[in-house]
Amino acid sequence: MLEILISSTVLILALTALRFFLRGKLNPRLQYTLWLLAALRLLLPVSLVRSPVSVMNAVPDVPAAVQRLTAPEDRRAPQTDNTQSPVQTASETETAPTEAQMQLTGSTILKLVWPEIYLTPEAAQDPETRQFVLRHELAHYHARDQLWSLLRLICQCLYWFDPFVWLAAALSQRDCELACDERVLKDLDPGSRVSYGRALLSL
């Protein structure tokens, strides 16, 4: 766990520095894809390759006392405390679901599986802006950004205590939008690109 935290922090800081110094020079899609390296480092439980050149070489070995404290339950010494917690029966811990919890209406299921796009009243009334918004969201869909977002949320849930993970999530989400805009602009003519930029600023 300590190795994952240290190596992921170094990687996140390196990607943040690369993002800053190569701003405007790096392809937005490549810039966004590089965050996958941080996600893989956070989600892989072990190192795939042992390298003599590693940030972990600068970290001293964990003391034996700490290793004993963090050892799995089945490897710890038996406790001498004679107090025992009362045993709970299955009937006490399990509760039957209510009838309201068992019912799923068609509209509820549809809301769970059908994507929704929310527009401001001004954007909804302007056909051009509405078309740009739909182009933008379809670009997200074709790039499978919903899966990337799920991966980002998993990392945030598992490492909720790590501020560097939250930094990486915020920057990667911003790079996701930049990469999406780059996809949309690629298919637009010069005049429409200016209109698209104005629509982004208005939103």
N, C-alpha and C. Protein backbone atom coordinates (compact mmCIF):
# COMPACT_ATOMS: atom_id res chain seq x y z
N MET A 1 0.83 -1.20 0.00
CA MET A 1 0.00 0.00 0.00
C MET A 1 0.87 1.26 0.00
N LEU A 2 1.92 1.24 0.83
CA LEU A 2 2.81 2.40 0.89
C LEU A 2 3.50 2.63 -0.44
N GLU A 3 3.90 1.54 -1.10
CA GLU A 3 4.56 1.66 -2.39
C GLU A 3 3.62 2.27 -3.43
N ILE A 4 2.35 1.85 -3.40
CA ILE A 4 1.37 2.39 -4.35
C ILE A 4 1.17 3.88 -4.12
N LEU A 5 1.06 4.30 -2.86
CA LEU A 5 0.84 5.70 -2.55
C LEU A 5 2.01 6.57 -2.98
N ILE A 6 3.23 6.10 -2.70
CA ILE A 6 4.40 6.91 -3.03
C ILE A 6 4.61 6.97 -4.54
N SER A 7 4.56 5.83 -5.21
CA SER A 7 4.80 5.81 -6.65
C SER A 7 3.71 6.54 -7.42
N SER A 8 2.45 6.41 -6.97
CA SER A 8 1.36 7.11 -7.65
C SER A 8 1.47 8.62 -7.45
N THR A 9 1.90 9.04 -6.27
CA THR A 9 2.08 10.48 -6.01
C THR A 9 3.16 11.06 -6.92
N VAL A 10 4.28 10.35 -7.04
CA VAL A 10 5.36 10.81 -7.92
C VAL A 10 4.87 10.88 -9.37
N LEU A 11 4.11 9.87 -9.79
CA LEU A 11 3.60 9.84 -11.15
C LEU A 11 2.61 10.97 -11.40
N ILE A 12 1.73 11.22 -10.45
CA ILE A 12 0.74 12.30 -10.60
C ILE A 12 1.43 13.65 -10.68
N LEU A 13 2.43 13.86 -9.83
CA LEU A 13 3.17 15.13 -9.86
C LEU A 13 3.91 15.29 -11.18
N ALA A 14 4.47 14.18 -11.71
CA ALA A 14 5.18 14.25 -12.99
C ALA A 14 4.21 14.58 -14.13
N LEU A 15 3.04 13.97 -14.13
CA LEU A 15 2.05 14.25 -15.16
C LEU A 15 1.52 15.68 -15.06
N THR A 16 1.39 16.17 -13.82
CA THR A 16 0.94 17.55 -13.62
C THR A 16 1.97 18.54 -14.15
N ALA A 17 3.26 18.26 -13.87
CA ALA A 17 4.33 19.13 -14.38
C ALA A 17 4.41 19.07 -15.90
N LEU A 18 4.26 17.86 -16.47
CA LEU A 18 4.28 17.71 -17.92
C LEU A 18 3.12 18.47 -18.55
N ARG A 19 1.97 18.41 -17.91
CA ARG A 19 0.80 19.12 -18.41
C ARG A 19 1.02 20.64 -18.40
N PHE A 20 1.72 21.12 -17.39
CA PHE A 20 1.96 22.57 -17.26
C PHE A 20 3.00 23.06 -18.25
N PHE A 21 4.13 22.35 -18.35
CA PHE A 21 5.24 22.83 -19.19
C PHE A 21 4.98 22.60 -20.68
N LEU A 22 4.16 21.62 -21.02
CA LEU A 22 3.85 21.36 -22.43
C LEU A 22 2.45 21.83 -22.79
N ARG A 23 1.95 22.79 -22.06
CA ARG A 23 0.61 23.30 -22.31
C ARG A 23 0.53 23.94 -23.70
N GLY A 24 -0.42 23.47 -24.50
CA GLY A 24 -0.58 23.96 -25.85
C GLY A 24 0.28 23.26 -26.88
N LYS A 25 1.25 22.47 -26.44
CA LYS A 25 2.14 21.77 -27.36
C LYS A 25 1.81 20.28 -27.46
N LEU A 26 1.12 19.76 -26.46
CA LEU A 26 0.78 18.35 -26.41
C LEU A 26 -0.63 18.15 -26.94
N ASN A 27 -0.81 17.11 -27.74
CA ASN A 27 -2.14 16.80 -28.26
C ASN A 27 -3.10 16.55 -27.09
N PRO A 28 -4.28 17.18 -27.10
CA PRO A 28 -5.21 17.02 -25.97
C PRO A 28 -5.59 15.57 -25.69
N ARG A 29 -5.73 14.77 -26.74
CA ARG A 29 -6.10 13.37 -26.52
C ARG A 29 -4.97 12.61 -25.85
N LEU A 30 -3.72 12.87 -26.29
CA LEU A 30 -2.57 12.22 -25.66
C LEU A 30 -2.43 12.69 -24.21
N GLN A 31 -2.64 13.97 -23.99
CA GLN A 31 -2.56 14.52 -22.64
C GLN A 31 -3.57 13.85 -21.71
N TYR A 32 -4.76 13.60 -22.24
CA TYR A 32 -5.79 12.94 -21.44
C TYR A 32 -5.47 11.46 -21.23
N THR A 33 -4.94 10.80 -22.26
CA THR A 33 -4.63 9.37 -22.17
C THR A 33 -3.54 9.08 -21.16
N LEU A 34 -2.62 10.03 -20.98
CA LEU A 34 -1.51 9.80 -20.04
C LEU A 34 -1.99 9.60 -18.61
N TRP A 35 -3.19 10.14 -18.29
CA TRP A 35 -3.71 9.94 -16.93
C TRP A 35 -4.07 8.49 -16.66
N LEU A 36 -4.19 7.69 -17.73
CA LEU A 36 -4.45 6.27 -17.53
C LEU A 36 -3.31 5.59 -16.79
N LEU A 37 -2.09 6.10 -16.96
CA LEU A 37 -0.95 5.55 -16.24
C LEU A 37 -1.13 5.68 -14.74
N ALA A 38 -1.62 6.83 -14.30
CA ALA A 38 -1.85 7.02 -12.87
C ALA A 38 -2.95 6.11 -12.37
N ALA A 39 -4.02 5.94 -13.16
CA ALA A 39 -5.12 5.07 -12.76
C ALA A 39 -4.65 3.62 -12.64
N LEU A 40 -3.84 3.17 -13.59
CA LEU A 40 -3.32 1.80 -13.52
C LEU A 40 -2.42 1.60 -12.31
N ARG A 41 -1.61 2.61 -11.99
CA ARG A 41 -0.74 2.49 -10.82
C ARG A 41 -1.56 2.39 -9.53
N LEU A 42 -2.67 3.13 -9.49
CA LEU A 42 -3.52 3.11 -8.30
C LEU A 42 -4.31 1.82 -8.17
N LEU A 43 -4.68 1.22 -9.28
CA LEU A 43 -5.57 0.05 -9.24
C LEU A 43 -4.83 -1.27 -9.28
N LEU A 44 -3.55 -1.27 -9.71
CA LEU A 44 -2.79 -2.51 -9.69
C LEU A 44 -2.25 -2.75 -8.29
N PRO A 45 -2.55 -3.89 -7.68
CA PRO A 45 -2.14 -4.11 -6.28
C PRO A 45 -0.64 -4.32 -6.11
N VAL A 46 0.05 -4.81 -7.14
CA VAL A 46 1.48 -5.09 -7.01
C VAL A 46 2.21 -4.50 -8.20
N SER A 47 3.52 -4.41 -8.07
CA SER A 47 4.36 -3.95 -9.17
C SER A 47 4.57 -5.11 -10.13
N LEU A 48 4.38 -4.82 -11.43
CA LEU A 48 4.57 -5.87 -12.42
C LEU A 48 6.04 -6.11 -12.70
N VAL A 49 6.86 -5.06 -12.58
CA VAL A 49 8.28 -5.18 -12.89
C VAL A 49 9.08 -4.58 -11.74
N ARG A 50 10.05 -5.31 -11.27
CA ARG A 50 10.98 -4.81 -10.26
C ARG A 50 12.16 -4.15 -10.94
N SER A 51 12.32 -2.88 -10.70
CA SER A 51 13.38 -2.13 -11.36
C SER A 51 14.37 -1.60 -10.34
N PRO A 52 15.68 -1.64 -10.66
CA PRO A 52 16.66 -1.05 -9.74
C PRO A 52 16.54 0.46 -9.66
N VAL A 53 15.92 1.08 -10.68
CA VAL A 53 15.70 2.52 -10.68
C VAL A 53 14.24 2.76 -10.29
N SER A 54 14.00 3.06 -9.04
CA SER A 54 12.63 3.20 -8.53
C SER A 54 12.62 4.22 -7.41
N VAL A 55 11.49 4.92 -7.28
CA VAL A 55 11.37 5.88 -6.19
C VAL A 55 11.34 5.18 -4.84
N MET A 56 10.97 3.90 -4.83
CA MET A 56 10.91 3.17 -3.57
C MET A 56 12.28 2.88 -3.00
N ASN A 57 13.34 3.01 -3.82
CA ASN A 57 14.69 2.80 -3.31
C ASN A 57 15.09 3.88 -2.31
N ALA A 58 14.44 5.04 -2.38
CA ALA A 58 14.74 6.13 -1.46
C ALA A 58 13.95 6.02 -0.17
N VAL A 59 13.03 5.07 -0.09
CA VAL A 59 12.21 4.90 1.11
C VAL A 59 12.82 3.82 1.98
N PRO A 60 13.07 4.11 3.27
CA PRO A 60 13.63 3.09 4.14
C PRO A 60 12.64 1.95 4.35
N ASP A 61 13.19 0.80 4.73
CA ASP A 61 12.34 -0.36 4.99
C ASP A 61 11.39 -0.07 6.14
N VAL A 62 10.20 -0.63 6.05
CA VAL A 62 9.21 -0.44 7.10
C VAL A 62 9.64 -1.24 8.32
N PRO A 63 9.66 -0.65 9.51
CA PRO A 63 10.06 -1.37 10.71
C PRO A 63 9.20 -2.60 10.93
N ALA A 64 9.81 -3.58 11.62
CA ALA A 64 9.10 -4.84 11.87
C ALA A 64 7.86 -4.62 12.73
N ALA A 65 7.93 -3.64 13.66
CA ALA A 65 6.77 -3.39 14.51
C ALA A 65 5.58 -2.92 13.69
N VAL A 66 5.84 -2.07 12.69
CA VAL A 66 4.76 -1.60 11.83
C VAL A 66 4.22 -2.74 10.99
N GLN A 67 5.11 -3.63 10.54
CA GLN A 67 4.66 -4.77 9.75
C GLN A 67 3.75 -5.68 10.58
N ARG A 68 4.08 -5.83 11.87
CA ARG A 68 3.22 -6.66 12.72
C ARG A 68 1.87 -6.02 12.92
N LEU A 69 1.85 -4.68 13.04
CA LEU A 69 0.58 -3.99 13.26
C LEU A 69 -0.31 -4.05 12.02
N THR A 70 0.32 -4.06 10.84
CA THR A 70 -0.47 -4.04 9.61
C THR A 70 -0.61 -5.41 8.98
N ALA A 71 -0.20 -6.46 9.67
CA ALA A 71 -0.32 -7.80 9.12
C ALA A 71 -1.77 -8.22 9.05
N PRO A 72 -2.11 -9.13 8.13
CA PRO A 72 -3.50 -9.61 8.05
C PRO A 72 -3.93 -10.26 9.34
N GLU A 73 -5.23 -10.35 9.53
CA GLU A 73 -5.78 -10.87 10.78
C GLU A 73 -5.34 -12.30 11.04
N ASP A 74 -5.25 -13.13 9.98
CA ASP A 74 -4.92 -14.54 10.20
C ASP A 74 -3.46 -14.76 10.56
N ARG A 75 -2.62 -13.69 10.45
CA ARG A 75 -1.20 -13.83 10.78
C ARG A 75 -0.85 -13.15 12.09
N ARG A 76 -1.81 -12.51 12.73
CA ARG A 76 -1.53 -11.84 13.99
C ARG A 76 -1.57 -12.84 15.14
N ALA A 77 -0.91 -12.45 16.23
CA ALA A 77 -0.93 -13.30 17.43
C ALA A 77 -2.32 -13.27 18.04
N PRO A 78 -2.74 -14.41 18.62
CA PRO A 78 -4.08 -14.45 19.23
C PRO A 78 -4.18 -13.48 20.39
N GLN A 79 -5.34 -12.85 20.53
CA GLN A 79 -5.58 -11.89 21.60
C GLN A 79 -5.88 -12.63 22.90
N THR A 80 -5.44 -12.05 24.01
CA THR A 80 -5.65 -12.67 25.32
C THR A 80 -6.90 -12.16 26.00
N ASP A 81 -7.60 -11.21 25.37
CA ASP A 81 -8.81 -10.67 25.96
C ASP A 81 -9.89 -11.74 25.97
N ASN A 82 -10.47 -11.99 27.15
CA ASN A 82 -11.47 -13.03 27.29
C ASN A 82 -12.87 -12.56 26.99
N THR A 83 -13.03 -11.25 26.80
CA THR A 83 -14.38 -10.74 26.53
C THR A 83 -14.77 -11.11 25.12
N GLN A 84 -15.98 -11.55 24.97
CA GLN A 84 -16.49 -11.96 23.68
C GLN A 84 -17.72 -11.15 23.34
N SER A 85 -17.81 -10.79 22.07
CA SER A 85 -18.98 -10.04 21.65
C SER A 85 -20.15 -10.99 21.51
N PRO A 86 -21.34 -10.55 21.82
CA PRO A 86 -22.50 -11.41 21.70
C PRO A 86 -22.72 -11.83 20.27
N VAL A 87 -23.12 -13.08 20.10
CA VAL A 87 -23.35 -13.65 18.79
C VAL A 87 -24.73 -13.23 18.31
N GLN A 88 -24.78 -12.71 17.08
CA GLN A 88 -26.04 -12.30 16.52
C GLN A 88 -26.54 -13.39 15.58
N THR A 89 -27.78 -13.69 15.67
CA THR A 89 -28.37 -14.68 14.79
C THR A 89 -28.73 -14.06 13.47
N ALA A 90 -28.94 -14.91 12.48
CA ALA A 90 -29.28 -14.42 11.15
C ALA A 90 -30.59 -13.67 11.14
N SER A 91 -31.51 -14.08 11.99
CA SER A 91 -32.80 -13.40 12.03
C SER A 91 -32.70 -11.99 12.57
N GLU A 92 -31.65 -11.73 13.39
CA GLU A 92 -31.48 -10.39 13.94
C GLU A 92 -30.77 -9.46 12.96
N THR A 93 -29.89 -10.00 12.15
CA THR A 93 -29.11 -9.16 11.26
C THR A 93 -29.75 -8.97 9.90
N GLU A 94 -30.59 -9.87 9.49
CA GLU A 94 -31.21 -9.77 8.18
C GLU A 94 -32.60 -9.20 8.30
N THR A 95 -32.87 -8.26 7.44
CA THR A 95 -34.20 -7.67 7.41
C THR A 95 -34.78 -7.86 6.03
N ALA A 96 -36.05 -8.20 5.97
CA ALA A 96 -36.70 -8.45 4.69
C ALA A 96 -36.94 -7.13 3.98
N PRO A 97 -36.69 -7.07 2.67
CA PRO A 97 -36.95 -5.83 1.94
C PRO A 97 -38.44 -5.52 1.93
N THR A 98 -38.73 -4.24 2.00
CA THR A 98 -40.12 -3.83 1.98
C THR A 98 -40.67 -3.91 0.57
N GLU A 99 -41.98 -3.82 0.45
CA GLU A 99 -42.63 -3.91 -0.86
C GLU A 99 -42.25 -2.74 -1.75
N ALA A 100 -42.03 -1.57 -1.13
CA ALA A 100 -41.65 -0.39 -1.92
C ALA A 100 -40.27 -0.56 -2.53
N GLN A 101 -39.35 -1.27 -1.81
CA GLN A 101 -38.02 -1.48 -2.34
C GLN A 101 -38.00 -2.50 -3.48
N MET A 102 -38.97 -3.39 -3.51
CA MET A 102 -39.00 -4.43 -4.52
C MET A 102 -39.56 -3.94 -5.84
N GLN A 103 -40.31 -2.85 -5.83
CA GLN A 103 -40.97 -2.39 -7.03
C GLN A 103 -40.07 -1.46 -7.85
N LEU A 104 -39.94 -1.75 -9.13
CA LEU A 104 -39.20 -0.90 -10.05
C LEU A 104 -40.13 -0.56 -11.22
N THR A 105 -40.45 0.70 -11.32
CA THR A 105 -41.33 1.13 -12.40
C THR A 105 -40.54 1.27 -13.69
N GLY A 106 -41.28 1.29 -14.79
CA GLY A 106 -40.63 1.43 -16.10
C GLY A 106 -39.88 2.73 -16.24
N SER A 107 -40.44 3.81 -15.69
CA SER A 107 -39.76 5.11 -15.78
C SER A 107 -38.47 5.12 -14.97
N THR A 108 -38.46 4.41 -13.83
CA THR A 108 -37.24 4.35 -13.02
C THR A 108 -36.14 3.62 -13.75
N ILE A 109 -36.47 2.50 -14.37
CA ILE A 109 -35.48 1.74 -15.13
C ILE A 109 -34.97 2.56 -16.31
N LEU A 110 -35.87 3.27 -16.97
CA LEU A 110 -35.47 4.08 -18.13
C LEU A 110 -34.51 5.19 -17.72
N LYS A 111 -34.75 5.79 -16.55
CA LYS A 111 -33.86 6.85 -16.08
C LYS A 111 -32.48 6.31 -15.74
N LEU A 112 -32.41 5.03 -15.35
CA LEU A 112 -31.12 4.44 -14.99
C LEU A 112 -30.27 4.12 -16.22
N VAL A 113 -30.90 3.78 -17.34
CA VAL A 113 -30.14 3.33 -18.50
C VAL A 113 -30.12 4.35 -19.63
N TRP A 114 -30.97 5.35 -19.60
CA TRP A 114 -31.05 6.30 -20.70
C TRP A 114 -30.30 7.57 -20.34
N PRO A 115 -29.30 7.96 -21.13
CA PRO A 115 -28.54 9.19 -20.82
C PRO A 115 -29.36 10.44 -21.04
N GLU A 116 -29.14 11.41 -20.19
CA GLU A 116 -29.86 12.67 -20.28
C GLU A 116 -28.87 13.81 -20.47
N ILE A 117 -29.26 14.80 -21.27
CA ILE A 117 -28.46 15.99 -21.51
C ILE A 117 -29.26 17.19 -21.04
N TYR A 118 -28.70 17.94 -20.11
CA TYR A 118 -29.39 19.09 -19.53
C TYR A 118 -28.89 20.37 -20.19
N LEU A 119 -29.83 21.21 -20.57
CA LEU A 119 -29.52 22.47 -21.23
C LEU A 119 -30.11 23.63 -20.43
N THR A 120 -29.43 24.75 -20.50
CA THR A 120 -30.02 25.96 -19.94
C THR A 120 -31.14 26.42 -20.86
N PRO A 121 -32.10 27.20 -20.38
CA PRO A 121 -33.19 27.67 -21.26
C PRO A 121 -32.67 28.43 -22.47
N GLU A 122 -31.60 29.22 -22.28
CA GLU A 122 -31.05 29.98 -23.40
C GLU A 122 -30.47 29.05 -24.47
N ALA A 123 -29.75 28.00 -24.02
CA ALA A 123 -29.16 27.05 -24.97
C ALA A 123 -30.22 26.23 -25.67
N ALA A 124 -31.28 25.89 -24.96
CA ALA A 124 -32.34 25.09 -25.56
C ALA A 124 -33.09 25.87 -26.64
N GLN A 125 -33.15 27.19 -26.50
CA GLN A 125 -33.88 28.01 -27.47
C GLN A 125 -33.06 28.34 -28.71
N ASP A 126 -31.72 28.16 -28.62
CA ASP A 126 -30.85 28.49 -29.75
C ASP A 126 -30.51 27.19 -30.50
N PRO A 127 -30.98 27.01 -31.72
CA PRO A 127 -30.72 25.76 -32.45
C PRO A 127 -29.23 25.47 -32.65
N GLU A 128 -28.45 26.52 -32.92
CA GLU A 128 -27.02 26.31 -33.16
C GLU A 128 -26.32 25.84 -31.90
N THR A 129 -26.61 26.48 -30.77
CA THR A 129 -26.00 26.07 -29.51
C THR A 129 -26.44 24.66 -29.14
N ARG A 130 -27.71 24.36 -29.36
CA ARG A 130 -28.21 23.02 -29.07
C ARG A 130 -27.49 21.96 -29.90
N GLN A 131 -27.22 22.30 -31.15
CA GLN A 131 -26.50 21.36 -32.02
C GLN A 131 -25.06 21.15 -31.54
N PHE A 132 -24.40 22.23 -31.09
CA PHE A 132 -23.03 22.11 -30.59
C PHE A 132 -22.99 21.25 -29.31
N VAL A 133 -23.97 21.45 -28.44
CA VAL A 133 -24.01 20.66 -27.20
C VAL A 133 -24.17 19.18 -27.52
N LEU A 134 -25.05 18.86 -28.46
CA LEU A 134 -25.25 17.47 -28.85
C LEU A 134 -23.99 16.89 -29.50
N ARG A 135 -23.31 17.67 -30.32
CA ARG A 135 -22.05 17.21 -30.91
C ARG A 135 -21.02 16.90 -29.82
N HIS A 136 -20.96 17.79 -28.83
CA HIS A 136 -20.00 17.62 -27.74
C HIS A 136 -20.29 16.33 -26.95
N GLU A 137 -21.55 16.12 -26.60
CA GLU A 137 -21.89 14.94 -25.80
C GLU A 137 -21.75 13.66 -26.61
N LEU A 138 -22.04 13.70 -27.90
CA LEU A 138 -21.84 12.52 -28.73
C LEU A 138 -20.35 12.19 -28.88
N ALA A 139 -19.52 13.22 -28.89
CA ALA A 139 -18.07 12.98 -28.93
C ALA A 139 -17.62 12.28 -27.65
N HIS A 140 -18.18 12.68 -26.50
CA HIS A 140 -17.90 11.96 -25.25
C HIS A 140 -18.30 10.50 -25.37
N TYR A 141 -19.48 10.26 -25.93
CA TYR A 141 -20.00 8.90 -26.02
C TYR A 141 -19.14 8.03 -26.93
N HIS A 142 -18.77 8.55 -28.09
CA HIS A 142 -17.97 7.76 -29.03
C HIS A 142 -16.57 7.49 -28.50
N ALA A 143 -16.06 8.36 -27.66
CA ALA A 143 -14.73 8.16 -27.06
C ALA A 143 -14.79 7.27 -25.82
N ARG A 144 -15.99 6.82 -25.46
CA ARG A 144 -16.19 5.98 -24.26
C ARG A 144 -15.72 6.69 -22.99
N ASP A 145 -15.96 7.99 -22.95
CA ASP A 145 -15.54 8.75 -21.77
C ASP A 145 -16.32 8.36 -20.53
N GLN A 146 -17.50 7.75 -20.69
CA GLN A 146 -18.25 7.30 -19.53
C GLN A 146 -17.48 6.21 -18.78
N LEU A 147 -16.74 5.38 -19.50
CA LEU A 147 -15.93 4.34 -18.85
C LEU A 147 -14.73 4.97 -18.14
N TRP A 148 -14.13 5.98 -18.77
CA TRP A 148 -13.03 6.70 -18.12
C TRP A 148 -13.51 7.38 -16.84
N SER A 149 -14.72 7.94 -16.90
CA SER A 149 -15.26 8.59 -15.71
C SER A 149 -15.50 7.58 -14.59
N LEU A 150 -15.96 6.39 -14.96
CA LEU A 150 -16.16 5.34 -13.95
C LEU A 150 -14.83 4.94 -13.31
N LEU A 151 -13.80 4.83 -14.13
CA LEU A 151 -12.47 4.50 -13.62
C LEU A 151 -11.97 5.58 -12.68
N ARG A 152 -12.22 6.83 -13.03
CA ARG A 152 -11.80 7.95 -12.18
C ARG A 152 -12.54 7.92 -10.84
N LEU A 153 -13.82 7.61 -10.87
CA LEU A 153 -14.60 7.56 -9.64
C LEU A 153 -14.17 6.40 -8.74
N ILE A 154 -13.80 5.28 -9.34
CA ILE A 154 -13.32 4.14 -8.55
C ILE A 154 -12.04 4.52 -7.81
N CYS A 155 -11.14 5.21 -8.51
CA CYS A 155 -9.90 5.65 -7.86
C CYS A 155 -10.19 6.62 -6.71
N GLN A 156 -11.14 7.52 -6.91
CA GLN A 156 -11.49 8.48 -5.86
C GLN A 156 -12.12 7.78 -4.67
N CYS A 157 -12.92 6.75 -4.91
CA CYS A 157 -13.55 6.02 -3.81
C CYS A 157 -12.53 5.22 -3.01
N LEU A 158 -11.60 4.57 -3.72
CA LEU A 158 -10.61 3.74 -3.04
C LEU A 158 -9.56 4.57 -2.30
N TYR A 159 -9.22 5.73 -2.87
CA TYR A 159 -8.18 6.59 -2.29
C TYR A 159 -8.76 7.95 -1.91
N TRP A 160 -9.90 7.92 -1.23
CA TRP A 160 -10.58 9.16 -0.84
C TRP A 160 -9.74 10.02 0.09
N PHE A 161 -8.78 9.42 0.76
CA PHE A 161 -7.95 10.13 1.74
C PHE A 161 -6.74 10.79 1.10
N ASP A 162 -6.47 10.52 -0.19
CA ASP A 162 -5.25 11.00 -0.84
C ASP A 162 -5.56 12.26 -1.65
N PRO A 163 -5.05 13.41 -1.25
CA PRO A 163 -5.34 14.65 -2.00
C PRO A 163 -4.76 14.64 -3.41
N PHE A 164 -3.69 13.88 -3.64
CA PHE A 164 -3.10 13.83 -4.98
C PHE A 164 -4.01 13.09 -5.95
N VAL A 165 -4.76 12.12 -5.47
CA VAL A 165 -5.72 11.42 -6.32
C VAL A 165 -6.84 12.38 -6.73
N TRP A 166 -7.28 13.22 -5.80
CA TRP A 166 -8.31 14.22 -6.12
C TRP A 166 -7.78 15.25 -7.11
N LEU A 167 -6.50 15.60 -6.97
CA LEU A 167 -5.88 16.52 -7.94
C LEU A 167 -5.85 15.89 -9.33
N ALA A 168 -5.43 14.62 -9.40
CA ALA A 168 -5.39 13.93 -10.69
C ALA A 168 -6.78 13.80 -11.29
N ALA A 169 -7.78 13.54 -10.46
CA ALA A 169 -9.16 13.42 -10.96
C ALA A 169 -9.65 14.73 -11.55
N ALA A 170 -9.35 15.84 -10.87
CA ALA A 170 -9.80 17.15 -11.36
C ALA A 170 -9.10 17.52 -12.67
N LEU A 171 -7.79 17.29 -12.74
CA LEU A 171 -7.05 17.64 -13.95
C LEU A 171 -7.42 16.73 -15.12
N SER A 172 -7.60 15.44 -14.83
CA SER A 172 -7.96 14.52 -15.91
C SER A 172 -9.35 14.81 -16.44
N GLN A 173 -10.26 15.23 -15.57
CA GLN A 173 -11.60 15.59 -16.03
C GLN A 173 -11.54 16.83 -16.93
N ARG A 174 -10.68 17.77 -16.56
CA ARG A 174 -10.52 18.97 -17.40
C ARG A 174 -9.90 18.60 -18.74
N ASP A 175 -8.92 17.69 -18.72
CA ASP A 175 -8.31 17.25 -19.97
C ASP A 175 -9.29 16.44 -20.81
N CYS A 176 -10.22 15.77 -20.16
CA CYS A 176 -11.26 15.04 -20.88
C CYS A 176 -12.11 16.00 -21.71
N GLU A 177 -12.47 17.13 -21.12
CA GLU A 177 -13.26 18.12 -21.85
C GLU A 177 -12.47 18.74 -22.99
N LEU A 178 -11.17 18.99 -22.77
CA LEU A 178 -10.33 19.54 -23.83
C LEU A 178 -10.20 18.57 -25.00
N ALA A 179 -10.02 17.28 -24.67
CA ALA A 179 -9.92 16.28 -25.73
C ALA A 179 -11.23 16.16 -26.50
N CYS A 180 -12.35 16.29 -25.79
CA CYS A 180 -13.65 16.22 -26.44
C CYS A 180 -13.84 17.42 -27.37
N ASP A 181 -13.47 18.60 -26.90
CA ASP A 181 -13.57 19.79 -27.76
C ASP A 181 -12.69 19.65 -29.01
N GLU A 182 -11.53 19.03 -28.84
CA GLU A 182 -10.63 18.85 -29.98
C GLU A 182 -11.26 17.93 -31.02
N ARG A 183 -11.99 16.90 -30.56
CA ARG A 183 -12.67 16.00 -31.49
C ARG A 183 -13.77 16.73 -32.25
N VAL A 184 -14.52 17.57 -31.54
CA VAL A 184 -15.62 18.30 -32.18
C VAL A 184 -15.06 19.29 -33.19
N LEU A 185 -14.04 20.04 -32.81
CA LEU A 185 -13.48 21.06 -33.71
C LEU A 185 -12.88 20.45 -34.96
N LYS A 186 -12.41 19.21 -34.85
CA LYS A 186 -11.79 18.56 -36.00
C LYS A 186 -12.78 18.37 -37.14
N ASP A 187 -14.06 18.22 -36.83
CA ASP A 187 -15.08 17.96 -37.85
C ASP A 187 -15.85 19.21 -38.27
N LEU A 188 -15.43 20.38 -37.77
CA LEU A 188 -16.14 21.62 -38.09
C LEU A 188 -15.34 22.47 -39.06
N ASP A 189 -16.05 23.26 -39.85
CA ASP A 189 -15.37 24.22 -40.72
C ASP A 189 -14.93 25.43 -39.90
N PRO A 190 -14.04 26.27 -40.44
CA PRO A 190 -13.51 27.40 -39.66
C PRO A 190 -14.59 28.31 -39.08
N GLY A 191 -15.63 28.60 -39.84
CA GLY A 191 -16.68 29.47 -39.32
C GLY A 191 -17.43 28.84 -38.17
N SER A 192 -17.69 27.53 -38.28
CA SER A 192 -18.39 26.84 -37.20
C SER A 192 -17.52 26.70 -35.96
N ARG A 193 -16.20 26.63 -36.15
CA ARG A 193 -15.30 26.54 -35.00
C ARG A 193 -15.39 27.81 -34.15
N VAL A 194 -15.48 28.96 -34.80
CA VAL A 194 -15.63 30.21 -34.06
C VAL A 194 -16.95 30.22 -33.30
N SER A 195 -18.02 29.77 -33.94
CA SER A 195 -19.32 29.72 -33.28
C SER A 195 -19.32 28.74 -32.11
N TYR A 196 -18.60 27.63 -32.29
CA TYR A 196 -18.51 26.65 -31.21
C TYR A 196 -17.79 27.23 -30.00
N GLY A 197 -16.71 27.97 -30.27
CA GLY A 197 -15.99 28.62 -29.18
C GLY A 197 -16.85 29.62 -28.43
N ARG A 198 -17.65 30.38 -29.18
CA ARG A 198 -18.54 31.34 -28.54
C ARG A 198 -19.61 30.62 -27.71
N ALA A 199 -20.09 29.49 -28.23
CA ALA A 199 -21.09 28.73 -27.48
C ALA A 199 -20.51 28.21 -26.17
N LEU A 200 -19.24 27.77 -26.21
CA LEU A 200 -18.60 27.29 -24.99
C LEU A 200 -18.49 28.41 -23.96
N LEU A 201 -18.09 29.59 -24.42
CA LEU A 201 -17.95 30.72 -23.50
C LEU A 201 -19.30 31.14 -22.92
N SER A 202 -20.34 31.06 -23.72
CA SER A 202 -21.66 31.45 -23.22
C SER A 202 -22.20 30.46 -22.19
N LEU A 203 -21.74 29.19 -22.28
CA LEU A 203 -22.21 28.18 -21.34
C LEU A 203 -21.33 28.10 -20.10
